[in-house]
Amino acid sequence: MKDELMRRRTLLSLVAATGAAVATGVPLTASAAECKPRAKAGPVSVAYVEVNNNSMLNVGKYTLAGGGAQVFDVAVIFAANINYDGSKAYLHFNENVQRVLDNVATEVRPLQQKGIKVLLSVLGNHQGAGFANFPSQAAANAFAQELADAVNRYGLDGIDFDDEYADYGVNGTPQPNAGSFVYLVQALRQKLPNKLITLYDIGPAAARLSYNGQSVAETFNYAWNPYYGTWSVPRGPSAKSKLSPAAVQINASSNAASLATRTKNEGYGVFLTYDLGAGDASSYISGFTNPLYGSNTVYTP
């Protein structure tokens, strides 16, 4: 899966460059072709960025000393919210998330041009609305449409579900039900057939992946353990290539190297990191890129 994904990224970058040349009448030069992302062998590395405090561009500043490939394959904008207006759930962006989205040309496109997929994470906001308590399939579909519209409007690569801080039951909202999340994920996949949908394995939604004989576990492209500094195989897809049992907080989890080693030795295909900030974290990141990819990390401001 991961090798196929990297090949697809490379192909898409070439197609995009060719398309731009055709559109502008400018021939595709050798220098343009050389801008295609460099592939690497090994697990997919994921970086969550707290955009209230840090820039998404930090994700693209790390490459492998051996070969020059990008360290991170997926960058996650953390985070949009599922809010409640008194009658229904709706998608909300705080001012910092909105700033990133309003400036995708400078905050997101540079990452995508390097082959990095950029996802929008969505989580609760203490208002009672969550992925697990839509009162009907129609309500779940309506929220899925808002998510799909955001992905399409801003040219993002998918959605990450994080069922935290919903505070189910407040403001008169219902408790989680069995079918809500299944309906939501099914609807979103139908609307975004070629985008990434990922699962942060936490909360009532993650515990409700099946309903009425239907499961959405295999619908997710990736799923990861949400507890930093620990090892726990997440719920979601059955293939190891789509799972990250390891999770680390950058510059905080002291066992990144051992978790990376276990990821590689046990054949898992994803490695999750959280809270990539400003400044040079290459020493810490090298602690997991050496086991994962056999290379130190280089930081380029």
Protein backbone atom coordinates (compact mmCIF):
# COMPACT_ATOMS: atom_id res chain seq x y z
CA MET A 1 0.00 0.00 0.00
CA LYS A 2 2.67 2.50 1.03
CA ASP A 3 4.81 1.83 -2.05
CA GLU A 4 1.75 2.17 -4.27
CA LEU A 5 0.91 5.45 -2.54
CA MET A 6 4.39 6.84 -3.15
CA ARG A 7 4.27 5.83 -6.83
CA ARG A 8 0.89 7.49 -7.13
CA ARG A 9 2.22 10.69 -5.57
CA THR A 10 5.08 10.78 -8.03
CA LEU A 11 2.77 10.16 -10.97
CA LEU A 12 0.32 12.81 -9.82
CA SER A 13 3.09 15.39 -9.46
CA LEU A 14 4.22 14.73 -13.01
CA VAL A 15 0.67 14.86 -14.33
CA ALA A 16 0.06 18.14 -12.50
CA ALA A 17 3.26 19.66 -13.86
CA THR A 18 2.42 18.52 -17.37
CA GLY A 19 -1.08 19.88 -17.05
CA ALA A 20 0.25 23.25 -15.92
CA ALA A 21 2.59 23.38 -18.88
CA VAL A 22 -0.24 22.61 -21.30
CA ALA A 23 -2.49 25.20 -19.67
CA THR A 24 0.12 27.96 -19.84
CA GLY A 25 1.73 26.98 -23.12
CA VAL A 26 5.10 26.61 -21.36
CA PRO A 27 6.95 23.36 -22.14
CA LEU A 28 7.77 21.00 -19.28
CA THR A 29 11.45 21.54 -18.58
CA ALA A 30 13.93 19.15 -17.03
CA SER A 31 13.99 21.29 -13.89
CA ALA A 32 10.22 20.91 -13.50
CA ALA A 33 10.48 17.15 -13.88
CA GLU A 34 13.23 17.05 -11.26
CA CYS A 35 10.86 18.63 -8.71
CA LYS A 36 8.91 15.40 -8.32
CA PRO A 37 8.93 13.97 -4.77
CA ARG A 38 11.59 11.43 -3.91
CA ALA A 39 10.18 8.12 -2.72
CA LYS A 40 11.43 6.21 0.29
CA ALA A 41 11.03 2.64 1.44
CA GLY A 42 9.42 2.07 4.81
CA PRO A 43 6.34 3.04 6.85
CA VAL A 44 4.22 6.11 6.19
CA SER A 45 5.12 8.83 8.70
CA VAL A 46 2.37 11.15 9.95
CA ALA A 47 2.75 14.56 11.59
CA TYR A 48 -0.03 16.35 13.46
CA VAL A 49 0.45 20.11 13.68
CA GLU A 50 -1.26 22.28 16.30
CA VAL A 51 -1.98 25.22 14.01
CA ASN A 52 -3.01 27.40 16.94
CA ASN A 53 0.70 27.60 17.66
CA ASN A 54 2.67 26.35 14.66
CA SER A 55 2.91 26.47 10.89
CA MET A 56 2.02 23.56 8.63
CA LEU A 57 5.15 24.39 6.64
CA ASN A 58 7.31 22.86 9.37
CA VAL A 59 6.30 19.43 8.10
CA GLY A 60 8.13 19.97 4.83
CA LYS A 61 11.43 21.01 6.41
CA TYR A 62 12.62 17.48 7.21
CA THR A 63 14.30 15.15 4.73
CA LEU A 64 16.31 11.96 4.99
CA ALA A 65 20.08 12.39 4.84
CA GLY A 66 20.20 9.26 2.74
CA GLY A 67 18.42 10.04 -0.51
CA GLY A 68 16.73 13.33 0.36
CA ALA A 69 13.14 12.02 0.60
CA GLN A 70 10.65 13.81 2.78
CA VAL A 71 10.46 12.37 6.30
CA PHE A 72 6.72 12.95 6.61
CA ASP A 73 4.20 11.58 4.15
CA VAL A 74 1.02 12.90 5.79
CA ALA A 75 0.46 16.24 7.54
CA VAL A 76 -2.64 16.76 9.65
CA ILE A 77 -4.16 20.18 10.30
CA PHE A 78 -5.17 20.05 13.97
CA ALA A 79 -8.00 20.82 14.22
CA ALA A 80 -11.42 21.78 12.96
CA ASN A 81 -14.47 21.11 15.15
CA ILE A 82 -17.86 19.53 15.03
CA ASN A 83 -20.07 22.16 16.71
CA TYR A 84 -23.76 22.35 17.64
CA ASP A 85 -26.11 25.22 16.77
CA GLY A 86 -28.99 24.13 19.00
CA SER A 87 -30.59 21.89 16.42
CA LYS A 88 -27.84 20.25 14.36
CA ALA A 89 -24.12 19.63 14.07
CA TYR A 90 -21.99 21.77 11.79
CA LEU A 91 -18.35 22.07 10.77
CA HIS A 92 -16.48 24.92 12.47
CA PHE A 93 -13.03 26.41 11.90
CA ASN A 94 -11.38 28.50 14.58
CA GLU A 95 -9.43 31.54 13.43
CA ASN A 96 -6.15 29.66 13.15
CA VAL A 97 -7.56 26.78 11.13
CA GLN A 98 -9.40 29.30 8.96
CA ARG A 99 -6.14 31.17 8.43
CA VAL A 100 -4.47 27.99 7.13
CA LEU A 101 -7.40 27.27 4.83
CA ASP A 102 -7.57 30.83 3.55
CA ASN A 103 -3.88 30.62 2.73
CA VAL A 104 -3.65 27.15 1.22
CA ALA A 105 -1.46 28.52 -1.57
CA THR A 106 1.31 29.22 0.94
CA GLU A 107 0.44 26.86 3.85
CA VAL A 108 -0.68 23.68 2.10
CA ARG A 109 0.34 23.64 -1.57
CA PRO A 110 4.09 23.72 -0.81
CA LEU A 111 3.66 20.50 1.19
CA GLN A 112 1.57 18.84 -1.48
CA GLN A 113 4.15 19.78 -4.10
CA LYS A 114 6.66 17.80 -2.04
CA GLY A 115 4.37 14.76 -2.12
CA ILE A 116 2.96 15.26 1.38
CA LYS A 117 -0.76 14.58 1.81
CA VAL A 118 -2.56 17.20 3.91
CA LEU A 119 -5.57 16.16 5.97
CA LEU A 120 -8.05 18.12 8.07
CA SER A 121 -8.59 16.67 11.53
CA VAL A 122 -12.05 17.16 13.05
CA LEU A 123 -12.87 16.76 16.73
CA GLY A 124 -15.54 17.71 19.26
CA ASN A 125 -15.83 21.10 20.93
CA HIS A 126 -17.62 20.47 24.26
CA GLN A 127 -21.00 21.30 22.72
CA GLY A 128 -22.62 17.85 22.67
CA ALA A 129 -22.22 17.23 18.94
CA GLY A 130 -20.07 14.32 17.89
CA PHE A 131 -19.65 11.73 15.18
CA ALA A 132 -21.50 9.12 17.23
CA ASN A 133 -24.80 10.87 17.98
CA PHE A 134 -26.35 11.97 14.70
CA PRO A 135 -30.09 11.44 15.17
CA SER A 136 -30.62 10.12 11.63
CA GLN A 137 -28.82 8.91 8.54
CA ALA A 138 -29.84 12.14 6.81
CA ALA A 139 -28.14 14.20 9.52
CA ALA A 140 -24.95 12.15 9.18
CA ASN A 141 -25.06 12.62 5.42
CA ALA A 142 -25.49 16.39 5.80
CA PHE A 143 -22.36 16.62 7.96
CA ALA A 144 -20.45 14.37 5.57
CA GLN A 145 -21.35 16.85 2.82
CA GLU A 146 -19.87 19.71 4.85
CA LEU A 147 -16.65 17.74 5.26
CA ALA A 148 -16.49 16.87 1.57
CA ASP A 149 -17.18 20.47 0.61
CA ALA A 150 -14.28 21.65 2.78
CA VAL A 151 -11.88 19.11 1.28
CA ASN A 152 -12.89 20.05 -2.25
CA ARG A 153 -13.02 23.80 -1.65
CA TYR A 154 -9.53 23.98 -0.19
CA GLY A 155 -7.90 21.22 -2.22
CA LEU A 156 -7.09 19.00 0.76
CA ASP A 157 -6.30 15.30 0.66
CA GLY A 158 -8.83 14.01 3.17
CA ILE A 159 -10.37 13.95 6.64
CA ASP A 160 -9.14 12.61 9.97
CA PHE A 161 -11.75 11.66 12.61
CA ASP A 162 -10.87 12.34 16.27
CA ASP A 163 -13.81 11.67 18.60
CA GLU A 164 -12.65 13.65 21.62
CA TYR A 165 -14.21 16.51 23.62
CA ALA A 166 -17.72 16.05 22.22
CA ASP A 167 -19.28 16.03 25.71
CA TYR A 168 -22.16 13.93 24.48
CA GLY A 169 -25.43 14.85 26.20
CA VAL A 170 -24.78 18.52 26.94
CA ASN A 171 -27.09 21.14 25.42
CA GLY A 172 -29.79 18.49 25.23
CA THR A 173 -27.87 16.41 22.68
CA PRO A 174 -28.35 12.64 22.52
CA GLN A 175 -25.93 10.00 23.72
CA PRO A 176 -23.96 7.97 21.15
CA ASN A 177 -25.95 5.54 19.04
CA ALA A 178 -24.94 2.44 17.10
CA GLY A 179 -25.37 3.64 13.53
CA SER A 180 -24.26 7.28 13.53
CA PHE A 181 -20.56 6.92 12.76
CA VAL A 182 -21.11 4.12 10.26
CA TYR A 183 -23.55 6.31 8.34
CA LEU A 184 -21.11 9.25 8.46
CA VAL A 185 -18.10 7.31 7.19
CA GLN A 186 -20.10 5.56 4.48
CA ALA A 187 -21.48 8.88 3.26
CA LEU A 188 -18.07 10.58 3.31
CA ARG A 189 -16.43 7.76 1.36
CA GLN A 190 -19.15 7.99 -1.26
CA LYS A 191 -18.54 11.73 -1.60
CA LEU A 192 -14.74 11.43 -1.50
CA PRO A 193 -13.96 8.13 -3.23
CA ASN A 194 -10.31 8.96 -3.91
CA LYS A 195 -9.35 10.89 -0.77
CA LEU A 196 -7.87 9.70 2.52
CA ILE A 197 -10.14 9.01 5.49
CA THR A 198 -8.27 8.24 8.70
CA LEU A 199 -9.18 7.19 12.23
CA TYR A 200 -7.68 8.46 15.46
CA ASP A 201 -8.73 5.45 17.52
CA ILE A 202 -10.46 7.10 20.44
CA GLY A 203 -13.95 7.83 21.74
CA PRO A 204 -17.42 6.35 21.24
CA ALA A 205 -17.24 6.64 17.45
CA ALA A 206 -14.13 4.46 17.19
CA ALA A 207 -15.91 1.79 19.26
CA ARG A 208 -18.84 1.75 16.81
CA LEU A 209 -17.43 0.75 13.44
CA SER A 210 -20.17 -1.78 12.63
CA TYR A 211 -23.94 -1.46 12.40
CA ASN A 212 -26.74 -3.58 10.99
CA GLY A 213 -24.31 -6.03 9.45
CA GLN A 214 -22.17 -3.34 7.82
CA SER A 215 -18.64 -2.39 8.87
CA VAL A 216 -16.62 0.69 7.95
CA ALA A 217 -13.36 -0.64 9.40
CA GLU A 218 -11.88 -1.26 5.96
CA THR A 219 -13.10 2.11 4.69
CA PHE A 220 -10.31 3.91 6.52
CA ASN A 221 -7.04 4.34 4.69
CA TYR A 222 -5.17 4.47 7.99
CA ALA A 223 -5.82 4.22 11.72
CA TRP A 224 -3.55 5.07 14.62
CA ASN A 225 -3.06 4.73 18.33
CA PRO A 226 -3.92 8.04 20.07
CA TYR A 227 -1.81 7.63 23.20
CA TYR A 228 1.66 9.14 22.83
CA GLY A 229 4.61 7.17 24.05
CA THR A 230 2.67 3.89 23.93
CA TRP A 231 2.13 0.87 21.70
CA SER A 232 -1.45 -0.27 20.99
CA VAL A 233 -2.80 -1.78 17.78
CA PRO A 234 -5.70 0.47 16.73
CA ARG A 235 -9.12 -0.55 15.57
CA GLY A 236 -9.80 -0.03 11.89
CA PRO A 237 -8.38 -1.71 8.78
CA SER A 238 -7.16 -5.27 9.13
CA ALA A 239 -3.97 -4.78 7.11
CA LYS A 240 -0.86 -3.98 9.12
CA SER A 241 0.22 -1.64 6.33
CA LYS A 242 -2.61 0.73 7.31
CA LEU A 243 -2.03 0.77 11.07
CA SER A 244 0.14 2.71 13.51
CA PRO A 245 0.32 0.99 16.90
CA ALA A 246 3.10 3.45 17.79
CA ALA A 247 2.46 7.08 18.64
CA VAL A 248 4.95 9.69 19.82
CA GLN A 249 4.90 13.34 20.77
CA ILE A 250 7.80 15.18 19.15
CA ASN A 251 10.51 16.09 21.68
CA ALA A 252 8.46 14.59 24.50
CA SER A 253 8.11 10.81 24.10
CA SER A 254 11.41 9.29 25.16
CA ASN A 255 10.85 5.92 23.50
CA ALA A 256 10.50 7.00 19.86
CA ALA A 257 13.43 4.84 18.72
CA SER A 258 12.14 1.67 20.38
CA LEU A 259 8.61 2.24 19.06
CA ALA A 260 9.98 2.79 15.57
CA THR A 261 12.07 -0.36 15.80
CA ARG A 262 9.04 -2.36 16.86
CA THR A 263 6.99 -0.83 14.02
CA LYS A 264 9.56 -1.97 11.47
CA ASN A 265 10.22 -5.38 13.04
CA GLU A 266 6.53 -6.26 13.34
CA GLY A 267 5.67 -5.14 9.83
CA TYR A 268 3.37 -2.19 10.52
CA GLY A 269 3.04 0.42 7.81
CA VAL A 270 2.43 3.69 9.64
CA PHE A 271 4.24 5.74 12.31
CA LEU A 272 2.32 8.53 14.05
CA THR A 273 3.81 11.71 15.48
CA TYR A 274 2.13 14.65 17.18
CA ASP A 275 2.91 18.31 17.85
CA LEU A 276 5.58 19.10 15.31
CA GLY A 277 6.59 22.67 16.10
CA ALA A 278 9.01 25.31 14.94
CA GLY A 279 12.77 24.96 15.18
CA ASP A 280 15.15 22.12 14.49
CA ALA A 281 13.86 18.79 15.85
CA SER A 282 16.06 16.71 13.55
CA SER A 283 17.97 15.11 16.41
CA TYR A 284 14.77 13.77 17.94
CA ILE A 285 13.29 12.80 14.58
CA SER A 286 16.49 10.95 13.62
CA GLY A 287 15.74 8.73 16.59
CA PHE A 288 12.85 7.20 14.68
CA THR A 289 13.95 7.69 11.07
CA ASN A 290 17.05 5.58 11.63
CA PRO A 291 15.05 2.48 12.64
CA LEU A 292 12.31 3.18 10.07
CA TYR A 293 14.41 4.20 7.06
CA GLY A 294 18.04 3.63 7.95
CA SER A 295 18.87 7.32 7.79
CA ASN A 296 19.38 10.41 9.91
CA THR A 297 17.11 13.40 9.41
CA VAL A 298 18.18 16.75 7.97
CA TYR A 299 16.40 19.99 8.87
CA THR A 300 16.27 22.79 6.31
CA PRO A 301 14.80 26.06 7.68
